[in-house]
Amino acid sequence: PVNHRHAWGGAENAALRTLANQNTPTRVMGLKLGRTP
């Protein structure tokens, strides 16, 4: 993935929370954030 071994930033954490609140599947979250599920 694009962000392999990079630290999570504040914007990524906020995006993760938003995607989780929208009931997004983990695989799709990973694709949007450039991370593995």
Full PDB file with SEQRES, HELIX, SHEET, SSBOND, CRYST1, ORIGX, SCALE, CONECT and MASTER records, all heavy atoms in Angstrom:
SEQRES   1 A   37  PRO VAL ASN HIS ARG HIS ALA TRP GLY GLY ALA GLU ASN          
SEQRES   2 A   37  ALA ALA LEU ARG THR LEU ALA ASN GLN ASN THR PRO THR          
SEQRES   3 A   37  ARG VAL MET GLY LEU LYS LEU GLY ARG THR PRO                  
HELIX    1 AA1 GLY A   10  ASN A   21  1                                  12    
HELIX    2 AA2 THR A   26  LEU A   33  1                                   8    
CRYST1    1.000    1.000    1.000  90.00  90.00  90.00 P 1           1          
ORIGX1      1.000000  0.000000  0.000000        0.00000                         
ORIGX2      0.000000  1.000000  0.000000        0.00000                         
ORIGX3      0.000000  0.000000  1.000000        0.00000                         
SCALE1      1.000000  0.000000  0.000000        0.00000                         
SCALE2      0.000000  1.000000  0.000000        0.00000                         
SCALE3      0.000000  0.000000  1.000000        0.00000                         
ATOM      1  N   PRO A   1       0.822  -1.211   0.000  1.00  0.00           N  
ATOM      2  CA  PRO A   1       0.000   0.000   0.000  1.00  0.00           C  
ATOM      3  C   PRO A   1       0.857   1.263   0.000  1.00  0.00           C  
ATOM      4  O   PRO A   1       2.037   1.238   0.352  1.00  0.00           O  
ATOM      5  CB  PRO A   1      -0.798  -0.092   1.303  1.00  0.00           C  
ATOM      6  CG  PRO A   1      -0.708  -1.501   1.731  1.00  0.00           C  
ATOM      7  CD  PRO A   1       0.553  -2.050   1.153  1.00  0.00           C  
ATOM      8  N   VAL A   2       0.238   2.361  -0.373  1.00  0.00           N  
ATOM      9  CA  VAL A   2       0.940   3.642  -0.483  1.00  0.00           C  
ATOM     10  C   VAL A   2       1.571   4.054   0.844  1.00  0.00           C  
ATOM     11  O   VAL A   2       2.701   4.514   0.895  1.00  0.00           O  
ATOM     12  CB  VAL A   2      -0.056   4.731  -0.950  1.00  0.00           C  
ATOM     13  CG1 VAL A   2       0.625   6.088  -1.002  1.00  0.00           C  
ATOM     14  CG2 VAL A   2      -0.624   4.379  -2.297  1.00  0.00           C  
ATOM     15  N   ASN A   3       0.852   3.894   1.927  1.00  0.00           N  
ATOM     16  CA  ASN A   3       1.311   4.350   3.238  1.00  0.00           C  
ATOM     17  C   ASN A   3       1.959   3.248   4.069  1.00  0.00           C  
ATOM     18  O   ASN A   3       1.961   3.316   5.302  1.00  0.00           O  
ATOM     19  CB  ASN A   3       0.143   4.947   4.022  1.00  0.00           C  
ATOM     20  CG  ASN A   3      -0.348   6.220   3.410  1.00  0.00           C  
ATOM     21  OD1 ASN A   3       0.437   7.002   2.911  1.00  0.00           O  
ATOM     22  ND2 ASN A   3      -1.648   6.425   3.425  1.00  0.00           N  
ATOM     23  N   HIS A   4       2.517   2.258   3.414  1.00  0.00           N  
ATOM     24  CA  HIS A   4       3.129   1.144   4.134  1.00  0.00           C  
ATOM     25  C   HIS A   4       4.231   1.636   5.067  1.00  0.00           C  
ATOM     26  O   HIS A   4       5.146   2.351   4.651  1.00  0.00           O  
ATOM     27  CB  HIS A   4       3.707   0.141   3.134  1.00  0.00           C  
ATOM     28  CG  HIS A   4       4.312  -1.059   3.763  1.00  0.00           C  
ATOM     29  ND1 HIS A   4       3.569  -2.003   4.421  1.00  0.00           N  
ATOM     30  CD2 HIS A   4       5.600  -1.468   3.852  1.00  0.00           C  
ATOM     31  CE1 HIS A   4       4.366  -2.937   4.882  1.00  0.00           C  
ATOM     32  NE2 HIS A   4       5.612  -2.635   4.548  1.00  0.00           N  
ATOM     33  N   ARG A   5       4.121   1.305   6.331  1.00  0.00           N  
ATOM     34  CA  ARG A   5       5.076   1.661   7.395  1.00  0.00           C  
ATOM     35  C   ARG A   5       5.164   3.155   7.694  1.00  0.00           C  
ATOM     36  O   ARG A   5       6.121   3.605   8.294  1.00  0.00           O  
ATOM     37  CB  ARG A   5       6.467   1.103   7.097  1.00  0.00           C  
ATOM     38  CG  ARG A   5       6.509  -0.400   7.140  1.00  0.00           C  
ATOM     39  CD  ARG A   5       7.925  -0.854   7.382  1.00  0.00           C  
ATOM     40  NE  ARG A   5       7.949  -2.286   7.458  1.00  0.00           N  
ATOM     41  CZ  ARG A   5       8.247  -2.956   8.564  1.00  0.00           C  
ATOM     42  NH1 ARG A   5       8.560  -2.337   9.652  1.00  0.00           N  
ATOM     43  NH2 ARG A   5       8.242  -4.255   8.556  1.00  0.00           N  
ATOM     44  N   HIS A   6       4.183   3.924   7.265  1.00  0.00           N  
ATOM     45  CA  HIS A   6       4.130   5.340   7.629  1.00  0.00           C  
ATOM     46  C   HIS A   6       3.215   5.515   8.830  1.00  0.00           C  
ATOM     47  O   HIS A   6       2.235   4.789   8.978  1.00  0.00           O  
ATOM     48  CB  HIS A   6       3.593   6.193   6.469  1.00  0.00           C  
ATOM     49  CG  HIS A   6       4.545   6.280   5.327  1.00  0.00           C  
ATOM     50  ND1 HIS A   6       4.160   6.659   4.064  1.00  0.00           N  
ATOM     51  CD2 HIS A   6       5.878   6.028   5.227  1.00  0.00           C  
ATOM     52  CE1 HIS A   6       5.193   6.646   3.256  1.00  0.00           C  
ATOM     53  NE2 HIS A   6       6.249   6.252   3.942  1.00  0.00           N  
ATOM     54  N   ALA A   7       3.540   6.460   9.685  1.00  0.00           N  
ATOM     55  CA  ALA A   7       2.723   6.716  10.879  1.00  0.00           C  
ATOM     56  C   ALA A   7       1.363   7.278  10.468  1.00  0.00           C  
ATOM     57  O   ALA A   7       1.235   7.952   9.445  1.00  0.00           O  
ATOM     58  CB  ALA A   7       3.445   7.702  11.791  1.00  0.00           C  
ATOM     59  N   TRP A   8       0.361   7.000  11.300  1.00  0.00           N  
ATOM     60  CA  TRP A   8      -0.980   7.517  11.057  1.00  0.00           C  
ATOM     61  C   TRP A   8      -1.019   8.979  11.490  1.00  0.00           C  
ATOM     62  O   TRP A   8      -0.585   9.320  12.575  1.00  0.00           O  
ATOM     63  CB  TRP A   8      -2.012   6.718  11.859  1.00  0.00           C  
ATOM     64  CG  TRP A   8      -2.279   5.357  11.310  1.00  0.00           C  
ATOM     65  CD1 TRP A   8      -1.478   4.271  11.408  1.00  0.00           C  
ATOM     66  CD2 TRP A   8      -3.422   4.954  10.574  1.00  0.00           C  
ATOM     67  NE1 TRP A   8      -2.057   3.206  10.779  1.00  0.00           N  
ATOM     68  CE2 TRP A   8      -3.262   3.590  10.269  1.00  0.00           C  
ATOM     69  CE3 TRP A   8      -4.582   5.594  10.165  1.00  0.00           C  
ATOM     70  CZ2 TRP A   8      -4.213   2.870   9.551  1.00  0.00           C  
ATOM     71  CZ3 TRP A   8      -5.522   4.875   9.461  1.00  0.00           C  
ATOM     72  CH2 TRP A   8      -5.325   3.528   9.146  1.00  0.00           C  
ATOM     73  N   GLY A   9      -1.571   9.828  10.664  1.00  0.00           N  
ATOM     74  CA  GLY A   9      -1.693  11.246  10.989  1.00  0.00           C  
ATOM     75  C   GLY A   9      -3.073  11.573  11.523  1.00  0.00           C  
ATOM     76  O   GLY A   9      -3.988  10.731  11.524  1.00  0.00           O  
ATOM     77  N   GLY A  10      -3.236  12.789  11.979  1.00  0.00           N  
ATOM     78  CA  GLY A  10      -4.518  13.222  12.524  1.00  0.00           C  
ATOM     79  C   GLY A  10      -5.635  13.197  11.499  1.00  0.00           C  
ATOM     80  O   GLY A  10      -6.775  12.827  11.800  1.00  0.00           O  
ATOM     81  N   ALA A  11      -5.332  13.573  10.271  1.00  0.00           N  
ATOM     82  CA  ALA A  11      -6.348  13.574   9.214  1.00  0.00           C  
ATOM     83  C   ALA A  11      -6.777  12.144   8.872  1.00  0.00           C  
ATOM     84  O   ALA A  11      -7.964  11.894   8.613  1.00  0.00           O  
ATOM     85  CB  ALA A  11      -5.805  14.274   7.975  1.00  0.00           C  
ATOM     86  N   GLU A  12      -5.823  11.219   8.880  1.00  0.00           N  
ATOM     87  CA  GLU A  12      -6.159   9.820   8.601  1.00  0.00           C  
ATOM     88  C   GLU A  12      -7.005   9.222   9.722  1.00  0.00           C  
ATOM     89  O   GLU A  12      -7.935   8.467   9.459  1.00  0.00           O  
ATOM     90  CB  GLU A  12      -4.890   8.988   8.428  1.00  0.00           C  
ATOM     91  CG  GLU A  12      -4.180   9.233   7.125  1.00  0.00           C  
ATOM     92  CD  GLU A  12      -2.934   8.393   6.995  1.00  0.00           C  
ATOM     93  OE1 GLU A  12      -2.148   8.351   7.968  1.00  0.00           O  
ATOM     94  OE2 GLU A  12      -2.748   7.790   5.935  1.00  0.00           O  
ATOM     95  N   ASN A  13      -6.693   9.577  10.966  1.00  0.00           N  
ATOM     96  CA  ASN A  13      -7.492   9.097  12.090  1.00  0.00           C  
ATOM     97  C   ASN A  13      -8.916   9.646  12.007  1.00  0.00           C  
ATOM     98  O   ASN A  13      -9.877   8.927  12.274  1.00  0.00           O  
ATOM     99  CB  ASN A  13      -6.853   9.495  13.420  1.00  0.00           C  
ATOM    100  CG  ASN A  13      -5.596   8.690  13.711  1.00  0.00           C  
ATOM    101  OD1 ASN A  13      -5.430   7.581  13.224  1.00  0.00           O  
ATOM    102  ND2 ASN A  13      -4.700   9.266  14.479  1.00  0.00           N  
ATOM    103  N   ALA A  14      -9.054  10.902  11.630  1.00  0.00           N  
ATOM    104  CA  ALA A  14     -10.387  11.502  11.480  1.00  0.00           C  
ATOM    105  C   ALA A  14     -11.152  10.825  10.351  1.00  0.00           C  
ATOM    106  O   ALA A  14     -12.354  10.547  10.471  1.00  0.00           O  
ATOM    107  CB  ALA A  14     -10.256  12.996  11.220  1.00  0.00           C  
ATOM    108  N   ALA A  15     -10.462  10.531   9.248  1.00  0.00           N  
ATOM    109  CA  ALA A  15     -11.098   9.838   8.124  1.00  0.00           C  
ATOM    110  C   ALA A  15     -11.522   8.435   8.523  1.00  0.00           C  
ATOM    111  O   ALA A  15     -12.598   7.970   8.136  1.00  0.00           O  
ATOM    112  CB  ALA A  15     -10.152   9.794   6.934  1.00  0.00           C  
ATOM    113  N   LEU A  16     -10.697   7.765   9.315  1.00  0.00           N  
ATOM    114  CA  LEU A  16     -11.031   6.423   9.802  1.00  0.00           C  
ATOM    115  C   LEU A  16     -12.296   6.470  10.653  1.00  0.00           C  
ATOM    116  O   LEU A  16     -13.196   5.642  10.486  1.00  0.00           O  
ATOM    117  CB  LEU A  16      -9.867   5.842  10.609  1.00  0.00           C  
ATOM    118  CG  LEU A  16     -10.114   4.494  11.277  1.00  0.00           C  
ATOM    119  CD1 LEU A  16     -10.298   3.402  10.244  1.00  0.00           C  
ATOM    120  CD2 LEU A  16      -8.965   4.148  12.195  1.00  0.00           C  
ATOM    121  N   ARG A  17     -12.382   7.442  11.545  1.00  0.00           N  
ATOM    122  CA  ARG A  17     -13.582   7.578  12.386  1.00  0.00           C  
ATOM    123  C   ARG A  17     -14.823   7.861  11.538  1.00  0.00           C  
ATOM    124  O   ARG A  17     -15.894   7.291  11.767  1.00  0.00           O  
ATOM    125  CB  ARG A  17     -13.383   8.696  13.404  1.00  0.00           C  
ATOM    126  CG  ARG A  17     -12.470   8.330  14.539  1.00  0.00           C  
ATOM    127  CD  ARG A  17     -12.459   9.426  15.609  1.00  0.00           C  
ATOM    128  NE  ARG A  17     -11.659   9.023  16.735  1.00  0.00           N  
ATOM    129  CZ  ARG A  17     -10.406   9.419  16.947  1.00  0.00           C  
ATOM    130  NH1 ARG A  17      -9.825  10.247  16.109  1.00  0.00           N  
ATOM    131  NH2 ARG A  17      -9.736   8.998  18.003  1.00  0.00           N  
ATOM    132  N   THR A  18     -14.674   8.728  10.551  1.00  0.00           N  
ATOM    133  CA  THR A  18     -15.799   9.071   9.675  1.00  0.00           C  
ATOM    134  C   THR A  18     -16.264   7.861   8.880  1.00  0.00           C  
ATOM    135  O   THR A  18     -17.465   7.582   8.804  1.00  0.00           O  
ATOM    136  CB  THR A  18     -15.395  10.196   8.700  1.00  0.00           C  
ATOM    137  OG1 THR A  18     -14.961  11.320   9.465  1.00  0.00           O  
ATOM    138  CG2 THR A  18     -16.545  10.594   7.809  1.00  0.00           C  
ATOM    139  N   LEU A  19     -15.323   7.125   8.314  1.00  0.00           N  
ATOM    140  CA  LEU A  19     -15.678   5.938   7.537  1.00  0.00           C  
ATOM    141  C   LEU A  19     -16.312   4.865   8.418  1.00  0.00           C  
ATOM    142  O   LEU A  19     -17.241   4.173   7.992  1.00  0.00           O  
ATOM    143  CB  LEU A  19     -14.443   5.383   6.823  1.00  0.00           C  
ATOM    144  CG  LEU A  19     -13.903   6.239   5.683  1.00  0.00           C  
ATOM    145  CD1 LEU A  19     -12.536   5.722   5.234  1.00  0.00           C  
ATOM    146  CD2 LEU A  19     -14.867   6.268   4.525  1.00  0.00           C  
ATOM    147  N   ALA A  20     -15.837   4.728   9.649  1.00  0.00           N  
ATOM    148  CA  ALA A  20     -16.417   3.748  10.569  1.00  0.00           C  
ATOM    149  C   ALA A  20     -17.848   4.144  10.938  1.00  0.00           C  
ATOM    150  O   ALA A  20     -18.734   3.284  11.030  1.00  0.00           O  
ATOM    151  CB  ALA A  20     -15.560   3.628  11.820  1.00  0.00           C  
ATOM    152  N   ASN A  21     -18.098   5.434  11.124  1.00  0.00           N  
ATOM    153  CA  ASN A  21     -19.455   5.902  11.444  1.00  0.00           C  
ATOM    154  C   ASN A  21     -20.405   5.713  10.272  1.00  0.00           C  
ATOM    155  O   ASN A  21     -21.613   5.582  10.474  1.00  0.00           O  
ATOM    156  CB  ASN A  21     -19.429   7.376  11.860  1.00  0.00           C  
ATOM    157  CG  ASN A  21     -18.853   7.565  13.238  1.00  0.00           C  
ATOM    158  OD1 ASN A  21     -18.847   6.640  14.048  1.00  0.00           O  
ATOM    159  ND2 ASN A  21     -18.350   8.748  13.505  1.00  0.00           N  
ATOM    160  N   GLN A  22     -19.868   5.696   9.054  1.00  0.00           N  
ATOM    161  CA  GLN A  22     -20.684   5.485   7.864  1.00  0.00           C  
ATOM    162  C   GLN A  22     -20.867   4.006   7.539  1.00  0.00           C  
ATOM    163  O   GLN A  22     -21.451   3.663   6.522  1.00  0.00           O  
ATOM    164  CB  GLN A  22     -20.053   6.192   6.661  1.00  0.00           C  
ATOM    165  CG  GLN A  22     -20.037   7.687   6.781  1.00  0.00           C  
ATOM    166  CD  GLN A  22     -19.235   8.345   5.670  1.00  0.00           C  
ATOM    167  OE1 GLN A  22     -18.585   7.671   4.866  1.00  0.00           O  
ATOM    168  NE2 GLN A  22     -19.284   9.662   5.626  1.00  0.00           N  
ATOM    169  N   ASN A  23     -20.361   3.140   8.411  1.00  0.00           N  
ATOM    170  CA  ASN A  23     -20.500   1.686   8.261  1.00  0.00           C  
ATOM    171  C   ASN A  23     -19.818   1.175   6.987  1.00  0.00           C  
ATOM    172  O   ASN A  23     -20.319   0.301   6.301  1.00  0.00           O  
ATOM    173  CB  ASN A  23     -21.985   1.293   8.283  1.00  0.00           C  
ATOM    174  CG  ASN A  23     -22.182  -0.155   8.628  1.00  0.00           C  
ATOM    175  OD1 ASN A  23     -21.286  -0.804   9.154  1.00  0.00           O  
ATOM    176  ND2 ASN A  23     -23.349  -0.670   8.334  1.00  0.00           N  
ATOM    177  N   THR A  24     -18.663   1.723   6.672  1.00  0.00           N  
ATOM    178  CA  THR A  24     -17.887   1.324   5.499  1.00  0.00           C  
ATOM    179  C   THR A  24     -17.136   0.027   5.802  1.00  0.00           C  
ATOM    180  O   THR A  24     -16.562  -0.108   6.875  1.00  0.00           O  
ATOM    181  CB  THR A  24     -16.873   2.436   5.148  1.00  0.00           C  
ATOM    182  OG1 THR A  24     -17.572   3.667   5.028  1.00  0.00           O  
ATOM    183  CG2 THR A  24     -16.150   2.135   3.859  1.00  0.00           C  
ATOM    184  N   PRO A  25     -17.123  -0.930   4.871  1.00  0.00           N  
ATOM    185  CA  PRO A  25     -16.362  -2.158   5.097  1.00  0.00           C  
ATOM    186  C   PRO A  25     -14.866  -1.876   5.262  1.00  0.00           C  
ATOM    187  O   PRO A  25     -14.328  -0.926   4.684  1.00  0.00           O  
ATOM    188  CB  PRO A  25     -16.605  -2.966   3.823  1.00  0.00           C  
ATOM    189  CG  PRO A  25     -17.852  -2.413   3.241  1.00  0.00           C  
ATOM    190  CD  PRO A  25     -17.876  -0.966   3.620  1.00  0.00           C  
ATOM    191  N   THR A  26     -14.202  -2.715   6.026  1.00  0.00           N  
ATOM    192  CA  THR A  26     -12.788  -2.533   6.336  1.00  0.00           C  
ATOM    193  C   THR A  26     -11.928  -2.545   5.077  1.00  0.00           C  
ATOM    194  O   THR A  26     -10.985  -1.768   4.959  1.00  0.00           O  
ATOM    195  CB  THR A  26     -12.320  -3.640   7.297  1.00  0.00           C  
ATOM    196  OG1 THR A  26     -13.226  -3.703   8.386  1.00  0.00           O  
ATOM    197  CG2 THR A  26     -10.944  -3.353   7.834  1.00  0.00           C  
ATOM    198  N   ARG A  27     -12.254  -3.386   4.131  1.00  0.00           N  
ATOM    199  CA  ARG A  27     -11.486  -3.456   2.881  1.00  0.00           C  
ATOM    200  C   ARG A  27     -11.562  -2.135   2.119  1.00  0.00           C  
ATOM    201  O   ARG A  27     -10.561  -1.641   1.604  1.00  0.00           O  
ATOM    202  CB  ARG A  27     -12.021  -4.606   2.022  1.00  0.00           C  
ATOM    203  CG  ARG A  27     -11.453  -4.654   0.631  1.00  0.00           C  
ATOM    204  CD  ARG A  27     -10.427  -5.755   0.513  1.00  0.00           C  
ATOM    205  NE  ARG A  27     -10.027  -5.891  -0.883  1.00  0.00           N  
ATOM    206  CZ  ARG A  27      -8.846  -5.482  -1.333  1.00  0.00           C  
ATOM    207  NH1 ARG A  27      -7.974  -4.951  -0.525  1.00  0.00           N  
ATOM    208  NH2 ARG A  27      -8.536  -5.632  -2.594  1.00  0.00           N  
ATOM    209  N   VAL A  28     -12.746  -1.550   2.061  1.00  0.00           N  
ATOM    210  CA  VAL A  28     -12.930  -0.281   1.359  1.00  0.00           C  
ATOM    211  C   VAL A  28     -12.207   0.836   2.100  1.00  0.00           C  
ATOM    212  O   VAL A  28     -11.585   1.712   1.486  1.00  0.00           O  
ATOM    213  CB  VAL A  28     -14.433   0.035   1.199  1.00  0.00           C  
ATOM    214  CG1 VAL A  28     -14.648   1.400   0.582  1.00  0.00           C  
ATOM    215  CG2 VAL A  28     -15.112  -1.036   0.376  1.00  0.00           C  
ATOM    216  N   MET A  29     -12.253   0.803   3.432  1.00  0.00           N  
ATOM    217  CA  MET A  29     -11.515   1.793   4.231  1.00  0.00           C  
ATOM    218  C   MET A  29     -10.025   1.721   3.900  1.00  0.00           C  
ATOM    219  O   MET A  29      -9.370   2.745   3.740  1.00  0.00           O  
ATOM    220  CB  MET A  29     -11.690   1.537   5.728  1.00  0.00           C  
ATOM    221  CG  MET A  29     -12.974   1.960   6.308  1.00  0.00           C  
ATOM    222  SD  MET A  29     -12.854   1.777   8.089  1.00  0.00           S  
ATOM    223  CE  MET A  29     -14.492   1.278   8.472  1.00  0.00           C  
ATOM    224  N   GLY A  30      -9.506   0.507   3.819  1.00  0.00           N  
ATOM    225  CA  GLY A  30      -8.099   0.328   3.510  1.00  0.00           C  
ATOM    226  C   GLY A  30      -7.732   0.884   2.149  1.00  0.00           C  
ATOM    227  O   GLY A  30      -6.692   1.522   1.988  1.00  0.00           O  
ATOM    228  N   LEU A  31      -8.592   0.678   1.174  1.00  0.00           N  
ATOM    229  CA  LEU A  31      -8.324   1.204  -0.164  1.00  0.00           C  
ATOM    230  C   LEU A  31      -8.354   2.727  -0.175  1.00  0.00           C  
ATOM    231  O   LEU A  31      -7.523   3.366  -0.810  1.00  0.00           O  
ATOM    232  CB  LEU A  31      -9.350   0.652  -1.155  1.00  0.00           C  
ATOM    233  CG  LEU A  31      -9.233  -0.839  -1.460  1.00  0.00           C  
ATOM    234  CD1 LEU A  31     -10.420  -1.301  -2.296  1.00  0.00           C  
ATOM    235  CD2 LEU A  31      -7.938  -1.144  -2.166  1.00  0.00           C  
ATOM    236  N   LYS A  32      -9.304   3.323   0.535  1.00  0.00           N  
ATOM    237  CA  LYS A  32      -9.413   4.776   0.566  1.00  0.00           C  
ATOM    238  C   LYS A  32      -8.261   5.429   1.333  1.00  0.00           C  
ATOM    239  O   LYS A  32      -7.823   6.522   0.985  1.00  0.00           O  
ATOM    240  CB  LYS A  32     -10.746   5.203   1.188  1.00  0.00           C  
ATOM    241  CG  LYS A  32     -11.918   4.939   0.285  1.00  0.00           C  
ATOM    242  CD  LYS A  32     -13.196   5.467   0.877  1.00  0.00           C  
ATOM    243  CE  LYS A  32     -14.344   5.250  -0.089  1.00  0.00           C  
ATOM    244  NZ  LYS A  32     -15.560   5.923   0.343  1.00  0.00           N  
ATOM    245  N   LEU A  33      -7.791   4.754   2.371  1.00  0.00           N  
ATOM    246  CA  LEU A  33      -6.728   5.315   3.212  1.00  0.00           C  
ATOM    247  C   LEU A  33      -5.330   4.890   2.765  1.00  0.00           C  
ATOM    248  O   LEU A  33      -4.337   5.379   3.313  1.00  0.00           O  
ATOM    249  CB  LEU A  33      -6.943   4.898   4.673  1.00  0.00           C  
ATOM    250  CG  LEU A  33      -8.218   5.419   5.334  1.00  0.00           C  
ATOM    251  CD1 LEU A  33      -8.406   4.779   6.698  1.00  0.00           C  
ATOM    252  CD2 LEU A  33      -8.175   6.928   5.448  1.00  0.00           C  
ATOM    253  N   GLY A  34      -5.248   3.976   1.811  1.00  0.00           N  
ATOM    254  CA  GLY A  34      -3.944   3.496   1.363  1.00  0.00           C  
ATOM    255  C   GLY A  34      -3.287   2.589   2.378  1.00  0.00           C  
ATOM    256  O   GLY A  34      -2.058   2.581   2.516  1.00  0.00           O  
ATOM    257  N   ARG A  35      -4.080   1.830   3.098  1.00  0.00           N  
ATOM    258  CA  ARG A  35      -3.598   0.902   4.135  1.00  0.00           C  
ATOM    259  C   ARG A  35      -4.187  -0.480   3.891  1.00  0.00           C  
ATOM    260  O   ARG A  35      -5.146  -0.639   3.137  1.00  0.00           O  
ATOM    261  CB  ARG A  35      -4.050   1.375   5.529  1.00  0.00           C  
ATOM    262  CG  ARG A  35      -3.687   2.793   5.883  1.00  0.00           C  
ATOM    263  CD  ARG A  35      -2.264   2.891   6.325  1.00  0.00           C  
ATOM    264  NE  ARG A  35      -1.930   4.267   6.707  1.00  0.00           N  
ATOM    265  CZ  ARG A  35      -0.867   4.595   7.372  1.00  0.00           C  
ATOM    266  NH1 ARG A  35      -0.019   3.678   7.759  1.00  0.00           N  
ATOM    267  NH2 ARG A  35      -0.612   5.853   7.652  1.00  0.00           N  
ATOM    268  N   THR A  36      -3.645  -1.471   4.574  1.00  0.00           N  
ATOM    269  CA  THR A  36      -4.219  -2.809   4.486  1.00  0.00           C  
ATOM    270  C   THR A  36      -5.407  -2.895   5.448  1.00  0.00           C  
ATOM    271  O   THR A  36      -5.487  -2.124   6.418  1.00  0.00           O  
ATOM    272  CB  THR A  36      -3.185  -3.882   4.878  1.00  0.00           C  
ATOM    273  OG1 THR A  36      -2.812  -3.696   6.237  1.00  0.00           O  
ATOM    274  CG2 THR A  36      -1.968  -3.829   3.967  1.00  0.00           C  
ATOM    275  N   PRO A  37      -6.338  -3.820   5.196  1.00  0.00           N  
ATOM    276  CA  PRO A  37      -7.464  -3.989   6.126  1.00  0.00           C  
ATOM    277  C   PRO A  37      -7.012  -4.315   7.551  1.00  0.00           C  
ATOM    278  O   PRO A  37      -7.617  -3.863   8.516  1.00  0.00           O  
ATOM    279  CB  PRO A  37      -8.252  -5.145   5.518  1.00  0.00           C  
ATOM    280  CG  PRO A  37      -7.924  -5.100   4.066  1.00  0.00           C  
ATOM    281  CD  PRO A  37      -6.509  -4.632   3.998  1.00  0.00           C  
TER     282      PRO A  37                                                      
MASTER        0    0    0    2    0    0    0    6  281    1    0    3          
END                                                                             
